[in-house]
Protein backbone atom coordinates (compact mmCIF):
# COMPACT_ATOMS: atom_id res chain seq x y z
CA MET A 1 0.07 -0.03 -0.17
CA ALA A 2 1.27 3.33 -0.89
CA ASP A 3 2.43 5.59 1.86
CA ASN A 4 0.23 8.51 0.94
CA HIS A 5 -3.08 6.75 0.84
CA SER A 6 -4.24 8.47 4.26
CA GLU A 7 -3.57 11.69 3.44
CA LEU A 8 -5.44 11.22 -0.30
CA LEU A 9 -8.47 9.76 1.44
CA GLU A 10 -8.77 12.51 3.75
CA ALA A 11 -8.35 15.26 0.95
CA TYR A 12 -10.99 13.09 -1.06
CA LYS A 13 -13.48 13.28 1.90
CA ASP A 14 -12.91 17.19 2.26
CA ILE A 15 -13.27 17.65 -1.71
CA ALA A 16 -16.45 15.32 -1.80
CA SER A 17 -18.10 17.30 1.20
CA VAL A 18 -17.87 20.57 -0.82
CA LEU A 19 -19.08 19.09 -4.00
CA ASN A 20 -21.74 16.98 -2.48
CA ARG A 21 -22.94 20.28 -0.44
CA HIS A 22 -23.37 22.22 -3.76
CA GLY A 23 -25.06 19.47 -5.41
CA ILE A 24 -22.15 18.92 -8.11
CA THR A 25 -21.97 15.53 -9.93
CA PHE A 26 -18.65 13.99 -9.88
CA TYR A 27 -17.16 10.48 -10.33
CA GLY A 28 -14.20 8.39 -9.20
CA PHE A 29 -12.38 7.75 -12.40
CA PHE A 30 -9.39 5.89 -14.28
CA GLY A 31 -7.41 3.92 -11.72
CA THR A 32 -9.58 5.16 -8.61
CA ALA A 33 -12.73 3.65 -10.19
CA ILE A 34 -10.71 0.27 -10.65
CA GLY A 35 -9.70 0.42 -7.05
CA ALA A 36 -13.13 1.09 -5.80
CA VAL A 37 -14.60 -1.82 -7.75
CA ARG A 38 -11.75 -4.35 -7.37
CA HIS A 39 -10.32 -3.54 -4.01
CA LYS A 40 -13.19 -1.46 -2.42
CA GLY A 41 -10.46 1.31 -1.95
CA PHE A 42 -7.22 2.08 -3.31
CA ILE A 43 -5.25 0.10 -5.69
CA PRO A 44 -2.43 -0.97 -3.35
CA TRP A 45 0.29 0.21 -5.40
CA ASP A 46 -1.24 3.49 -6.68
CA ASP A 47 -0.31 6.63 -5.45
CA ASP A 48 -2.88 9.02 -6.48
CA LEU A 49 -6.67 9.63 -6.71
CA ASP A 50 -8.78 10.62 -9.82
CA ILE A 51 -12.13 12.19 -10.12
CA ALA A 52 -13.95 13.42 -13.17
CA ILE A 53 -16.59 16.24 -13.28
CA LEU A 54 -18.62 17.65 -16.51
CA ALA A 55 -17.32 20.65 -18.16
CA LYS A 56 -20.46 22.63 -17.58
CA ASP A 57 -19.67 22.46 -13.82
CA LEU A 58 -16.23 23.60 -14.14
CA ASP A 59 -16.66 27.23 -13.37
CA GLU A 60 -18.45 26.16 -10.15
CA VAL A 61 -16.06 23.53 -9.19
CA ASN A 62 -13.33 26.19 -9.50
CA ARG A 63 -15.28 28.47 -7.34
CA VAL A 64 -16.19 26.24 -4.51
CA LEU A 65 -12.97 24.18 -4.20
CA SER A 66 -10.85 27.39 -4.22
CA GLU A 67 -13.12 29.06 -1.60
CA GLU A 68 -14.03 26.28 0.71
CA LEU A 69 -11.13 23.89 1.03
CA ASP A 70 -8.87 24.82 3.94
CA PRO A 71 -6.00 26.75 2.48
CA ALA A 72 -3.66 25.53 5.33
CA LYS A 73 -4.12 22.03 3.98
CA TYR A 74 -4.63 22.47 0.21
CA TYR A 75 -3.64 24.57 -2.75
CA TYR A 76 -6.51 24.41 -5.28
CA HIS A 77 -4.59 24.56 -8.53
CA ASN A 78 -6.67 25.87 -11.39
CA PRO A 79 -3.91 25.80 -14.11
CA SER A 80 -2.84 28.43 -16.66
CA ALA A 81 -1.52 25.71 -18.86
CA ASP A 82 -3.06 22.22 -18.21
CA SER A 83 -6.19 20.28 -19.26
CA HIS A 84 -7.83 20.07 -15.70
CA PRO A 85 -7.35 21.23 -12.16
CA HIS A 86 -5.78 19.74 -9.05
CA VAL A 87 -6.04 19.50 -5.47
CA ILE A 88 -2.50 19.81 -4.08
CA ILE A 89 -1.90 18.64 -0.35
CA LYS A 90 0.31 20.95 1.42
CA THR A 91 3.26 20.12 3.32
CA ASP A 92 5.55 22.05 5.68
CA ASP A 93 8.12 22.56 2.99
CA PHE A 94 5.62 23.02 0.39
CA GLU A 95 7.60 25.11 -2.15
CA THR A 96 10.52 22.85 -1.84
CA VAL A 97 8.23 19.81 -2.78
CA LEU A 98 6.71 21.67 -5.55
CA ARG A 99 10.22 22.56 -7.14
CA ASN A 100 11.17 18.96 -6.72
CA ARG A 101 7.87 17.97 -8.47
CA LYS A 102 7.03 15.64 -5.54
CA ALA A 103 3.56 17.22 -4.48
CA THR A 104 0.73 14.51 -3.54
CA PHE A 105 -2.34 15.56 -5.48
CA ILE A 106 -5.80 14.69 -6.75
CA ASP A 107 -6.76 15.21 -10.42
CA VAL A 108 -10.07 16.86 -11.34
CA PHE A 109 -10.46 15.52 -15.01
CA VAL A 110 -12.83 17.44 -16.96
CA LEU A 111 -15.28 15.59 -19.46
CA THR A 112 -16.19 17.66 -22.50
CA ASP A 113 -18.31 17.02 -25.64
CA PHE A 114 -16.57 14.87 -28.07
CA PRO A 115 -17.96 15.40 -31.76
CA ASP A 116 -20.21 12.86 -33.35
CA SER A 117 -19.05 13.97 -36.72
CA LYS A 118 -15.88 12.03 -38.17
CA ILE A 119 -14.85 15.17 -39.99
CA ARG A 120 -15.11 17.23 -36.80
CA GLN A 121 -13.07 14.65 -34.96
CA TYR A 122 -10.03 14.87 -37.49
CA LEU A 123 -10.41 18.60 -37.52
CA MET A 124 -10.13 18.73 -33.68
CA TYR A 125 -7.19 16.21 -33.27
CA PRO A 126 -4.30 18.37 -34.37
CA PHE A 127 -5.43 21.28 -32.39
CA CYS A 128 -5.65 18.86 -29.22
CA GLY A 129 -1.99 17.93 -29.90
CA PHE A 130 -1.04 21.59 -30.12
CA GLU A 131 -2.77 22.52 -26.83
CA LEU A 132 -1.14 19.74 -25.05
CA LEU A 133 2.22 20.22 -26.57
CA SER A 134 1.97 23.89 -25.40
CA HIS A 135 1.20 22.78 -21.73
CA LYS A 136 4.53 20.79 -21.92
CA MET A 137 6.49 23.56 -23.37
CA ILE A 138 5.10 26.15 -20.88
CA ASP A 139 5.90 23.94 -17.94
CA GLU A 140 9.47 22.74 -19.10
CA HIS A 141 10.80 25.78 -21.00
CA PRO A 142 9.83 28.99 -19.59
CA GLY A 143 11.80 31.20 -21.89
CA VAL A 144 9.47 30.33 -24.74
CA LYS A 145 6.12 30.22 -22.79
CA GLY A 146 4.54 33.44 -24.18
CA LEU A 147 4.79 31.82 -27.48
CA PHE A 148 3.16 28.84 -26.22
CA TYR A 149 0.41 30.53 -24.36
CA GLY A 150 -0.60 31.98 -27.60
CA ILE A 151 -0.68 28.65 -29.42
CA MET A 152 -2.45 27.08 -26.54
CA HIS A 153 -5.27 29.71 -26.67
CA ILE A 154 -5.65 29.60 -30.44
CA SER A 155 -5.85 25.72 -30.20
CA ARG A 156 -8.69 26.04 -27.53
CA LYS A 157 -10.64 28.40 -29.65
CA PHE A 158 -10.64 26.03 -32.71
CA ILE A 159 -11.50 22.97 -30.55
CA ARG A 160 -14.50 24.85 -29.21
CA MET A 161 -15.31 26.14 -32.82
CA ILE A 162 -15.18 22.56 -34.05
CA SER A 163 -17.15 21.00 -31.17
CA GLN A 164 -20.65 20.03 -31.13
CA LYS A 165 -23.12 20.27 -28.16
CA ASP A 166 -25.10 17.27 -26.62
CA THR A 167 -23.02 14.62 -28.42
CA LYS A 168 -23.13 10.93 -27.80
CA LYS A 169 -19.52 10.80 -26.20
CA VAL A 170 -17.42 12.67 -23.72
CA SER A 171 -13.63 13.07 -23.64
CA HIS A 172 -10.71 14.10 -21.53
CA ARG A 173 -8.35 15.93 -23.65
CA ALA A 174 -5.12 13.81 -23.96
CA VAL A 175 -2.53 13.05 -26.67
CA LYS A 176 -4.44 10.07 -27.90
CA VAL A 177 -7.82 11.92 -27.73
CA TRP A 178 -9.78 9.00 -29.42
CA ASP A 179 -8.48 6.68 -26.57
CA ASN A 180 -10.18 9.00 -23.88
CA THR A 181 -13.70 8.95 -25.25
CA TRP A 182 -16.73 7.44 -23.70
CA TYR A 183 -20.44 7.31 -24.18
CA ARG A 184 -22.21 10.03 -22.09
CA GLU A 185 -24.95 7.52 -20.90
CA ASP A 186 -22.41 5.47 -19.23
CA PHE A 187 -21.73 8.07 -16.64
CA GLY A 188 -25.38 9.16 -15.71
CA THR A 189 -26.28 9.01 -12.31
CA PRO A 190 -23.45 7.91 -10.26
CA LEU A 191 -23.22 4.54 -8.58
CA ILE A 192 -22.17 4.97 -4.98
CA VAL A 193 -20.02 2.24 -3.77
CA ASP A 194 -17.57 1.62 -0.81
CA PHE A 195 -14.19 3.15 -0.92
CA GLU A 196 -11.91 2.42 2.06
CA ASP A 197 -14.00 3.82 4.96
CA THR A 198 -16.26 6.19 2.96
CA LYS A 199 -18.27 6.18 -0.18
CA MET A 200 -17.65 7.23 -3.65
CA PRO A 201 -19.64 7.87 -6.85
CA ILE A 202 -18.44 6.23 -9.86
CA PRO A 203 -20.14 6.11 -13.44
CA CYS A 204 -23.30 3.93 -13.50
CA ASN A 205 -21.91 1.82 -16.44
CA TYR A 206 -18.36 1.75 -15.13
CA ASP A 207 -17.98 -1.61 -16.43
CA ARG A 208 -18.10 -0.63 -20.14
CA ILE A 209 -15.85 2.51 -19.52
CA LEU A 210 -13.08 0.45 -17.65
CA THR A 211 -13.14 -2.37 -20.18
CA GLU A 212 -12.79 -0.10 -23.04
CA PHE A 213 -10.04 1.77 -21.65
CA TYR A 214 -8.06 -1.05 -19.61
CA GLY A 215 -9.29 -4.36 -21.15
CA ASP A 216 -9.65 -6.92 -18.27
CA TYR A 217 -9.42 -4.47 -15.47
CA MET A 218 -10.50 -6.92 -12.73
CA THR A 219 -7.16 -8.98 -13.10
CA PRO A 220 -4.49 -7.17 -11.30
CA PRO A 221 -1.29 -6.80 -13.63
CA PRO A 222 2.04 -8.81 -13.13
CA GLU A 223 4.01 -7.42 -10.24
CA ASP A 224 6.54 -6.08 -12.46
CA LYS A 225 3.94 -3.98 -14.20
CA ARG A 226 2.45 -2.25 -11.11
CA SER A 227 3.25 1.27 -10.72
CA GLY A 228 1.75 4.44 -9.48
CA ALA A 229 0.78 7.78 -11.52
CA THR A 230 3.37 9.02 -14.04
CA GLY A 231 1.78 12.38 -14.78
CA TYR A 232 2.43 15.73 -12.89
CA PRO A 233 0.41 19.01 -13.00
CA TYR A 234 1.95 21.45 -15.64
CA SER A 235 2.59 24.84 -14.67
CA LEU A 236 2.10 24.03 -10.94
CA MET A 237 4.97 25.72 -9.66
CA SER A 238 4.51 29.07 -11.74
CA ASP A 239 0.92 29.26 -10.97
CA TYR A 240 1.55 28.92 -7.61
CA LEU A 241 4.03 31.60 -7.29
CA GLU A 242 1.55 33.92 -9.07
CA ASP A 243 -1.41 33.04 -6.87
CA MET A 244 0.94 33.46 -3.79
CA SER A 245 2.03 37.01 -5.18
CA GLY A 246 -1.41 38.16 -5.51
CA GLY A 247 -1.42 39.19 -9.19
CA LYS A 248 -2.20 36.57 -11.60
CA LYS A 249 -0.45 37.22 -14.88
CA HIS A 250 -2.14 34.52 -16.91
CA PRO A 251 -5.89 33.54 -17.29
CA ARG A 252 -6.84 30.29 -15.58
CA LEU A 253 -8.78 27.40 -16.90
CA SER A 254 -12.57 28.06 -17.46
CA SER A 255 -15.55 26.81 -19.22
CA ASP A 256 -14.89 29.33 -21.94
CA ASP A 257 -11.91 27.26 -22.89
CA LEU A 258 -13.58 24.03 -23.33
CA PRO A 259 -16.11 22.34 -25.42
CA TYR A 260 -19.46 22.60 -24.04
């Protein structure tokens, strides 16, 4: 079992309390949903926690989590250059942890409409790539981030222009965007399941979602294939320093940046 499960679980409970209080739908997602189904809690070797929200709720989620989570315990990272927000768990030496890219966090993935039209899908695909490349460049090469902020915002405008409303599928924008699409109806009214010593909502048709994405998700991988999360929030350190200075230089992620 990963050492950080207790702090992730406490953070999840605090997040769930805020979202439930405001009637905002969310789902345990990705490996967290597998853990909920297969282990009734964390996957023992996993070291993060994932939830998903709907794009229409992003602005409200940004507001309530930034205002109502305890700032002594958490930093709500609404990013200037990433596809989704994060809740970062604070430590005594927080800035050092951020600089060393060792922060413990919860991903808040955003489910957006994915076009039904194949033509629109193909048109959107390269702009998803440009946007995600921009995130990486802004994070890793600050000397050129001005250029890539421009590319990111142009890409988002094109993606929004190409997108459609009320589509059959939703997506989480990632490098392989087609691999990150699921039927909207499979999310629906969340199914409430046990997760450690609490409850967690997961997609109502979690089996189809997890099978399409992972294959036989109920069979644990071989021991040599077991690992925790590999991603890390883009623009985290620079966004944190901007927030602490009291003057934000870059716009943060909002529903205006996303497909409907």
